[in-house]
Amino acid sequence: MPKSAQPWVATLVRTIFDQPTAEAVRAQHTWVIDALEAKYPAAAEHLDAAREDLLAFAAFPREVWKQAWSNNPQERLNKEIRRRTDVVGIFPDRAAIVRLVGAVLAEQTDEWTEARRYMGLDVLAKVRLRLICGDTPGQNPLPQTLTA
């Protein structure tokens, strides 16, 4: 699609995430595809093919939707790795980079495990309970191998 149409399409796609219920999310996704089909069929086809991946967040309780779509923790981790590697500048070999990045990852894991949880334990328990029971409307229950 032309660059001039990208803001309009991005706004349309964002409306999918602004819906109050899982059913409304799915309906809005269908509406967005219909709206794009006439002018930008390739974009509509791409969104339709990505339907399940794009709408996966709707299987979770509403209160965790923002955390489910967000990649803020990943961006924060990448920023911390970049900050630490920029300090060193030039590494003598690949093993040195792996050691530094491994140490940063281990430190971040400890920090997230002990101090900062992205989702509280009560919310995670609710998410797990809902997905194991398979009571999400419009969704098939998870296979037994995923519920153990």
Protein backbone atom coordinates (compact mmCIF):
# COMPACT_ATOMS: atom_id res chain seq x y z
CA MET A 1 0.00 0.00 0.00
CA PRO A 2 1.20 3.54 -0.53
CA LYS A 3 2.97 5.26 2.34
CA SER A 4 0.23 7.90 2.46
CA ALA A 5 -2.36 5.21 3.32
CA GLN A 6 -0.36 3.58 6.13
CA PRO A 7 -1.56 5.90 8.94
CA TRP A 8 -5.19 5.26 7.97
CA VAL A 9 -4.67 1.48 7.87
CA ALA A 10 -2.78 1.56 11.19
CA THR A 11 -5.67 3.45 12.77
CA LEU A 12 -8.11 0.86 11.43
CA VAL A 13 -6.04 -2.00 12.84
CA ARG A 14 -5.77 -0.28 16.24
CA THR A 15 -9.57 -0.24 16.47
CA ILE A 16 -9.41 -4.03 16.75
CA PHE A 17 -7.58 -3.72 20.06
CA ASP A 18 -9.97 -1.08 21.45
CA GLN A 19 -12.96 -3.40 21.68
CA PRO A 20 -14.49 -4.33 25.05
CA THR A 21 -15.12 -8.06 24.50
CA ALA A 22 -13.59 -10.96 22.62
CA GLU A 23 -16.66 -11.17 20.37
CA ALA A 24 -16.38 -7.47 19.55
CA VAL A 25 -12.67 -7.93 18.78
CA ARG A 26 -13.45 -10.67 16.26
CA ALA A 27 -16.29 -8.65 14.72
CA GLN A 28 -14.06 -5.58 14.41
CA HIS A 29 -11.32 -7.65 12.78
CA THR A 30 -13.83 -8.84 10.17
CA TRP A 31 -15.04 -5.27 9.64
CA VAL A 32 -11.46 -4.00 9.16
CA ILE A 33 -10.76 -6.71 6.58
CA ASP A 34 -13.97 -5.78 4.72
CA ALA A 35 -13.02 -2.08 4.81
CA LEU A 36 -9.56 -2.78 3.36
CA GLU A 37 -10.58 -5.36 0.78
CA ALA A 38 -11.67 -2.95 -1.96
CA LYS A 39 -8.64 -0.60 -1.90
CA TYR A 40 -5.89 -2.78 -0.45
CA PRO A 41 -6.65 -6.46 -1.07
CA ALA A 42 -3.11 -7.59 -0.21
CA ALA A 43 -3.31 -5.94 3.22
CA ALA A 44 -6.76 -7.44 3.79
CA GLU A 45 -5.48 -10.89 2.82
CA HIS A 46 -2.46 -10.50 5.13
CA LEU A 47 -4.67 -9.51 8.09
CA ASP A 48 -7.06 -12.36 7.37
CA ALA A 49 -4.20 -14.88 7.24
CA ALA A 50 -2.88 -13.55 10.57
CA ARG A 51 -6.31 -13.62 12.24
CA GLU A 52 -5.59 -16.25 14.91
CA ASP A 53 -2.17 -14.84 15.79
CA LEU A 54 -3.46 -11.27 15.86
CA LEU A 55 -6.50 -12.09 17.99
CA ALA A 56 -4.84 -14.58 20.36
CA PHE A 57 -4.92 -12.01 23.17
CA ALA A 58 -8.73 -12.17 23.23
CA ALA A 59 -8.57 -15.68 24.75
CA PHE A 60 -7.24 -14.15 27.97
CA PRO A 61 -9.22 -12.21 30.58
CA ARG A 62 -9.74 -8.56 29.62
CA GLU A 63 -7.51 -7.23 32.42
CA VAL A 64 -4.37 -8.75 30.85
CA TRP A 65 -4.99 -7.77 27.25
CA LYS A 66 -2.57 -4.83 27.34
CA GLN A 67 0.22 -7.01 28.72
CA ALA A 68 -0.55 -9.70 26.15
CA TRP A 69 -0.15 -7.33 23.18
CA SER A 70 2.71 -5.33 24.56
CA ASN A 71 6.32 -6.00 23.73
CA ASN A 72 7.56 -3.48 26.33
CA PRO A 73 9.46 -6.09 28.40
CA GLN A 74 11.26 -7.28 25.25
CA GLU A 75 12.09 -3.71 24.24
CA ARG A 76 13.34 -2.94 27.74
CA LEU A 77 15.56 -6.03 27.68
CA ASN A 78 16.95 -5.15 24.24
CA LYS A 79 17.69 -1.61 25.44
CA GLU A 80 19.57 -2.94 28.48
CA ILE A 81 21.62 -5.34 26.31
CA ARG A 82 22.40 -2.50 23.91
CA ARG A 83 23.42 -0.21 26.77
CA ARG A 84 25.78 -2.81 28.23
CA THR A 85 27.35 -3.76 24.89
CA ASP A 86 27.83 -0.10 23.90
CA VAL A 87 29.91 0.43 27.05
CA VAL A 88 32.33 -2.30 25.98
CA GLY A 89 32.46 -1.14 22.37
CA ILE A 90 34.62 -3.77 20.68
CA PHE A 91 34.59 -7.40 21.80
CA PRO A 92 37.67 -9.61 21.36
CA ASP A 93 35.60 -12.58 20.14
CA ARG A 94 32.10 -14.02 19.92
CA ALA A 95 32.45 -15.83 23.27
CA ALA A 96 32.95 -12.50 25.04
CA ILE A 97 29.67 -11.17 23.62
CA VAL A 98 27.85 -14.36 24.58
CA ARG A 99 29.19 -14.13 28.16
CA LEU A 100 28.13 -10.49 28.55
CA VAL A 101 24.68 -10.95 27.04
CA GLY A 102 24.20 -14.16 29.03
CA ALA A 103 25.07 -12.32 32.23
CA VAL A 104 22.61 -9.53 31.37
CA LEU A 105 19.88 -12.08 30.64
CA ALA A 106 20.53 -13.92 33.91
CA GLU A 107 20.44 -10.64 35.83
CA GLN A 108 17.19 -9.60 34.18
CA THR A 109 15.64 -13.00 34.86
CA ASP A 110 16.50 -12.70 38.55
CA GLU A 111 15.15 -9.16 38.66
CA TRP A 112 11.84 -10.13 37.03
CA THR A 113 11.52 -13.27 39.15
CA GLU A 114 12.18 -11.53 42.44
CA ALA A 115 11.22 -7.89 42.16
CA ARG A 116 9.17 -6.88 39.14
CA ARG A 117 6.44 -9.07 37.82
CA TYR A 118 4.86 -8.00 34.57
CA MET A 119 1.67 -9.79 35.58
CA GLY A 120 0.73 -10.49 39.18
CA LEU A 121 0.40 -14.04 40.45
CA ASP A 122 -3.35 -13.61 40.95
CA VAL A 123 -3.80 -12.58 37.31
CA LEU A 124 -1.60 -15.42 36.07
CA ALA A 125 -3.61 -17.91 38.13
CA LYS A 126 -6.83 -16.57 36.61
CA VAL A 127 -5.39 -16.81 33.09
CA ARG A 128 -4.21 -20.37 33.67
CA LEU A 129 -7.54 -21.42 35.15
CA ARG A 130 -9.51 -19.93 32.27
CA LEU A 131 -7.35 -21.49 29.57
CA ILE A 132 -7.21 -24.90 31.19
CA CYS A 133 -10.95 -25.07 31.70
CA GLY A 134 -11.55 -24.04 28.07
CA ASP A 135 -14.39 -21.73 29.04
CA THR A 136 -13.32 -18.96 26.67
CA PRO A 137 -16.27 -18.30 24.33
CA GLY A 138 -15.60 -19.23 20.73
CA GLN A 139 -12.40 -21.09 21.53
CA ASN A 140 -11.67 -24.79 21.55
CA PRO A 141 -10.30 -26.15 24.82
CA LEU A 142 -6.54 -26.64 24.82
CA PRO A 143 -5.21 -30.11 24.07
CA GLN A 144 -4.45 -32.15 27.17
CA THR A 145 -0.69 -31.90 26.57
CA LEU A 146 -0.83 -28.12 26.98
CA THR A 147 -2.87 -28.17 30.18
CA ALA A 148 -0.47 -30.25 32.25
